[in-house]
């Protein structure tokens, strides 16, 4: 039986990170910076969702495309966290830890893409 995306370490990592981002955003109340919190949540969700969707594609080209989108969303999330830092919205230590996680996910997705390309 083929390995399911729910068993992919990068998928599990993306889900855990989505939960952390949701907790971070819930701690921030008010309408100020709502747009940025919403964008970060959507970009974070996009990582896990595109991994799931890509795993269901039959062709290598389609799989790789969705994994690249997931990778791009991980990097978009880093950009959103940089904006949080710029506007002093959250603790810098926490933001740095989250940035590192997203960059690691990006690296894992790149490795997954390379492995598919070599098949």
Protein backbone atom coordinates (compact mmCIF):
# COMPACT_ATOMS: atom_id res chain seq x y z
CA UNK A 1 0.00 0.00 0.00
CA UNK A 2 1.22 3.49 -0.84
CA UNK A 3 2.22 5.88 1.91
CA UNK A 4 -0.53 8.37 2.66
CA UNK A 5 0.16 12.07 3.00
CA UNK A 6 -1.08 11.88 6.62
CA UNK A 7 2.08 9.88 7.33
CA UNK A 8 4.41 12.46 5.75
CA UNK A 9 6.51 14.11 8.48
CA UNK A 10 6.29 17.43 6.62
CA UNK A 11 2.47 17.23 6.64
CA UNK A 12 2.40 16.53 10.37
CA UNK A 13 4.81 19.41 10.93
CA UNK A 14 2.60 21.73 8.85
CA UNK A 15 -0.46 20.78 10.91
CA UNK A 16 1.36 21.46 14.16
CA UNK A 17 2.53 24.80 12.88
CA UNK A 18 -0.99 25.72 11.77
CA UNK A 19 -2.16 25.12 15.33
CA UNK A 20 0.65 27.30 16.73
CA UNK A 21 -0.19 30.10 14.29
CA UNK A 22 -3.86 29.93 15.21
CA UNK A 23 -2.98 30.25 18.91
CA UNK A 24 -0.69 33.19 18.16
CA UNK A 25 -3.39 34.97 16.16
CA UNK A 26 -6.08 34.31 18.79
CA UNK A 27 -3.94 36.06 21.42
CA UNK A 28 -4.13 39.25 19.38
CA UNK A 29 -7.45 40.95 19.81
CA UNK A 30 -8.99 43.86 17.99
CA UNK A 31 -9.39 44.86 14.40
CA UNK A 32 -5.91 46.29 14.05
CA UNK A 33 -3.79 44.04 11.85
CA UNK A 34 -6.72 41.68 11.22
CA UNK A 35 -5.69 41.57 7.57
CA UNK A 36 -2.24 40.32 8.50
CA UNK A 37 -3.48 37.67 10.95
CA UNK A 38 -5.95 36.44 8.35
CA UNK A 39 -3.27 36.28 5.64
CA UNK A 40 -0.91 34.35 7.92
CA UNK A 41 -3.62 31.84 8.84
CA UNK A 42 -4.53 31.29 5.18
CA UNK A 43 -0.92 30.92 4.06
CA UNK A 44 -0.25 28.45 6.87
CA UNK A 45 -3.34 26.41 6.03
CA UNK A 46 -2.29 26.42 2.38
CA UNK A 47 0.90 24.55 3.25
CA UNK A 48 -0.94 21.53 4.68
CA UNK A 49 -3.77 21.66 2.16
CA UNK A 50 -1.46 21.69 -0.86
CA UNK A 51 0.59 18.82 0.52
CA UNK A 52 -2.63 16.83 0.87
CA UNK A 53 -3.90 17.76 -2.58
CA UNK A 54 -0.56 17.13 -4.26
CA UNK A 55 -0.32 13.66 -2.79
CA UNK A 56 -3.57 12.75 -4.53
CA UNK A 57 -2.34 13.67 -8.00
CA UNK A 58 -1.30 10.94 -10.41
CA UNK A 59 1.30 12.68 -12.52
CA UNK A 60 4.71 13.75 -11.26
CA UNK A 61 4.19 17.18 -12.79
CA UNK A 62 0.93 17.73 -10.87
CA UNK A 63 2.38 16.46 -7.57
CA UNK A 64 5.41 18.71 -7.91
CA UNK A 65 3.23 21.71 -8.75
CA UNK A 66 1.21 21.38 -5.53
CA UNK A 67 4.31 20.77 -3.42
CA UNK A 68 5.83 23.92 -4.92
CA UNK A 69 2.69 25.86 -4.03
CA UNK A 70 2.94 24.51 -0.47
CA UNK A 71 6.59 25.59 -0.36
CA UNK A 72 5.66 29.05 -1.59
CA UNK A 73 2.99 29.32 1.10
CA UNK A 74 5.56 28.39 3.75
CA UNK A 75 7.78 31.23 2.54
CA UNK A 76 4.77 33.58 2.38
CA UNK A 77 4.20 32.75 6.04
CA UNK A 78 7.78 33.79 6.82
CA UNK A 79 7.07 37.11 5.11
CA UNK A 80 3.93 37.60 7.19
CA UNK A 81 5.92 36.88 10.36
CA UNK A 82 8.49 39.44 9.24
CA UNK A 83 5.65 41.97 9.00
CA UNK A 84 4.53 41.00 12.51
CA UNK A 85 8.08 41.79 13.60
CA UNK A 86 8.17 45.07 11.66
CA UNK A 87 4.96 46.23 13.34
CA UNK A 88 6.07 44.85 16.73
CA UNK A 89 2.93 42.74 16.94
CA UNK A 90 4.40 39.75 18.79
CA UNK A 91 7.36 38.51 20.79
CA UNK A 92 10.47 38.41 18.58
CA UNK A 93 11.73 35.14 20.07
CA UNK A 94 8.46 33.38 19.23
CA UNK A 95 8.42 34.86 15.73
CA UNK A 96 11.99 33.69 15.11
CA UNK A 97 11.11 30.15 16.19
CA UNK A 98 8.09 30.10 13.86
CA UNK A 99 10.16 31.47 10.97
CA UNK A 100 12.69 28.66 11.43
CA UNK A 101 9.90 26.08 11.36
CA UNK A 102 8.46 27.44 8.12
CA UNK A 103 11.92 27.53 6.51
CA UNK A 104 12.50 23.93 7.59
CA UNK A 105 9.19 22.91 6.03
CA UNK A 106 10.27 24.66 2.84
CA UNK A 107 13.46 22.62 2.85
CA UNK A 108 11.59 19.38 3.44
CA UNK A 109 9.23 20.16 0.58
CA UNK A 110 12.17 20.90 -1.69
CA UNK A 111 13.68 17.52 -0.81
CA UNK A 112 10.32 15.87 -1.56
CA UNK A 113 10.17 17.64 -4.93
CA UNK A 114 13.72 16.53 -5.79
CA UNK A 115 12.90 12.93 -4.87
CA UNK A 116 9.87 12.94 -7.17
CA UNK A 117 11.85 14.50 -10.01
CA UNK A 118 14.48 11.74 -9.78
CA UNK A 119 11.93 8.91 -10.06
